[in-house]
Amino acid sequence: MPKNLIIHNLEVRFQVDGDDGAVFQRLFNKHIQAWARLYEQECARAKHTETERKLGDHGSQT
């Protein structure tokens, strides 16, 4: 299972035309959703691998 990620301090600076908050929110949402999908896929792979490993261990005991 992937390790947890804790961000203690995050500073972001950017300059855009228009509403800075709205631009930041749109970009943040886009990238955090992409990161979340990758994280969920990695968790699923780790779980699948662990399940296969347990099946292999169980099969060798009989």
C-alpha atoms as a PDB file:
ATOM      1  CA  MET A   1       0.000   0.000   0.000  1.00  0.00           C
ATOM      2  CA  PRO A   2       1.405   3.424  -0.881  1.00  0.00           C
ATOM      3  CA  LYS A   3       2.576   5.586   1.984  1.00  0.00           C
ATOM      4  CA  ASN A   4       0.532   8.584   3.053  1.00  0.00           C
ATOM      5  CA  LEU A   5       1.598  12.001   1.884  1.00  0.00           C
ATOM      6  CA  ILE A   6       1.374  14.881   4.333  1.00  0.00           C
ATOM      7  CA  ILE A   7       1.944  18.420   3.128  1.00  0.00           C
ATOM      8  CA  HIS A   8       2.875  20.674   6.020  1.00  0.00           C
ATOM      9  CA  ASN A   9       3.476  23.863   4.079  1.00  0.00           C
ATOM     10  CA  LEU A  10       2.525  24.714   0.518  1.00  0.00           C
ATOM     11  CA  GLU A  11       3.131  28.050  -1.117  1.00  0.00           C
ATOM     12  CA  VAL A  12       1.936  28.694  -4.640  1.00  0.00           C
ATOM     13  CA  ARG A  13       2.579  31.887  -6.596  1.00  0.00           C
ATOM     14  CA  PHE A  14       1.223  32.641 -10.023  1.00  0.00           C
ATOM     15  CA  GLN A  15       0.173  35.594 -12.056  1.00  0.00           C
ATOM     16  CA  VAL A  16      -2.884  35.358 -14.282  1.00  0.00           C
ATOM     17  CA  ASP A  17      -5.352  37.600 -15.996  1.00  0.00           C
ATOM     18  CA  GLY A  18      -8.768  37.600 -14.355  1.00  0.00           C
ATOM     19  CA  ASP A  19      -9.871  36.168 -11.009  1.00  0.00           C
ATOM     20  CA  ASP A  20      -6.774  34.586  -9.414  1.00  0.00           C
ATOM     21  CA  GLY A  21      -8.839  32.508  -7.001  1.00  0.00           C
ATOM     22  CA  ALA A  22     -10.996  31.009  -9.743  1.00  0.00           C
ATOM     23  CA  VAL A  23      -7.980  30.177 -11.914  1.00  0.00           C
ATOM     24  CA  PHE A  24      -6.167  28.582  -8.987  1.00  0.00           C
ATOM     25  CA  GLN A  25      -9.242  26.569  -8.028  1.00  0.00           C
ATOM     26  CA  ARG A  26      -9.746  25.302 -11.586  1.00  0.00           C
ATOM     27  CA  LEU A  27      -6.105  24.285 -11.989  1.00  0.00           C
ATOM     28  CA  PHE A  28      -5.884  22.802  -8.492  1.00  0.00           C
ATOM     29  CA  ASN A  29      -9.041  20.732  -9.016  1.00  0.00           C
ATOM     30  CA  LYS A  30      -7.786  19.478 -12.375  1.00  0.00           C
ATOM     31  CA  HIS A  31      -4.450  18.356 -10.996  1.00  0.00           C
ATOM     32  CA  ILE A  32      -5.655  17.008  -7.643  1.00  0.00           C
ATOM     33  CA  GLN A  33      -8.239  14.885  -9.455  1.00  0.00           C
ATOM     34  CA  ALA A  34      -5.533  13.503 -11.760  1.00  0.00           C
ATOM     35  CA  TRP A  35      -3.334  12.769  -8.736  1.00  0.00           C
ATOM     36  CA  ALA A  36      -6.247  11.108  -6.911  1.00  0.00           C
ATOM     37  CA  ARG A  37      -6.948   8.820  -9.901  1.00  0.00           C
ATOM     38  CA  LEU A  38      -3.299   7.768 -10.037  1.00  0.00           C
ATOM     39  CA  TYR A  39      -3.234   7.201  -6.269  1.00  0.00           C
ATOM     40  CA  GLU A  40      -6.406   5.083  -6.404  1.00  0.00           C
ATOM     41  CA  GLN A  41      -4.947   3.033  -9.264  1.00  0.00           C
ATOM     42  CA  GLU A  42      -1.757   2.452  -7.289  1.00  0.00           C
ATOM     43  CA  CYS A  43      -3.752   1.409  -4.217  1.00  0.00           C
ATOM     44  CA  ALA A  44      -5.787  -1.010  -6.333  1.00  0.00           C
ATOM     45  CA  ARG A  45      -2.594  -2.480  -7.828  1.00  0.00           C
ATOM     46  CA  ALA A  46      -1.078  -2.887  -4.366  1.00  0.00           C
ATOM     47  CA  LYS A  47      -4.247  -4.568  -3.071  1.00  0.00           C
ATOM     48  CA  HIS A  48      -4.381  -6.877  -6.098  1.00  0.00           C
ATOM     49  CA  THR A  49      -0.714  -7.792  -5.647  1.00  0.00           C
ATOM     50  CA  GLU A  50      -1.253  -8.487  -1.939  1.00  0.00           C
ATOM     51  CA  THR A  51      -4.270 -10.667  -2.736  1.00  0.00           C
ATOM     52  CA  GLU A  52      -2.287 -12.645  -5.306  1.00  0.00           C
ATOM     53  CA  ARG A  53       0.584 -13.027  -2.842  1.00  0.00           C
ATOM     54  CA  LYS A  54      -1.804 -14.385  -0.188  1.00  0.00           C
ATOM     55  CA  LEU A  55      -3.301 -16.833  -2.694  1.00  0.00           C
ATOM     56  CA  GLY A  56       0.184 -18.016  -3.598  1.00  0.00           C
ATOM     57  CA  ASP A  57       1.096 -18.472   0.080  1.00  0.00           C
ATOM     58  CA  HIS A  58      -2.128 -20.361   0.798  1.00  0.00           C
ATOM     59  CA  GLY A  59      -1.632 -22.671  -2.171  1.00  0.00           C
ATOM     60  CA  SER A  60       1.863 -23.669  -1.044  1.00  0.00           C
ATOM     61  CA  GLN A  61       0.616 -24.724   2.435  1.00  0.00           C
ATOM     62  CA  THR A  62      -1.660 -27.493   1.133  1.00  0.00           C
END
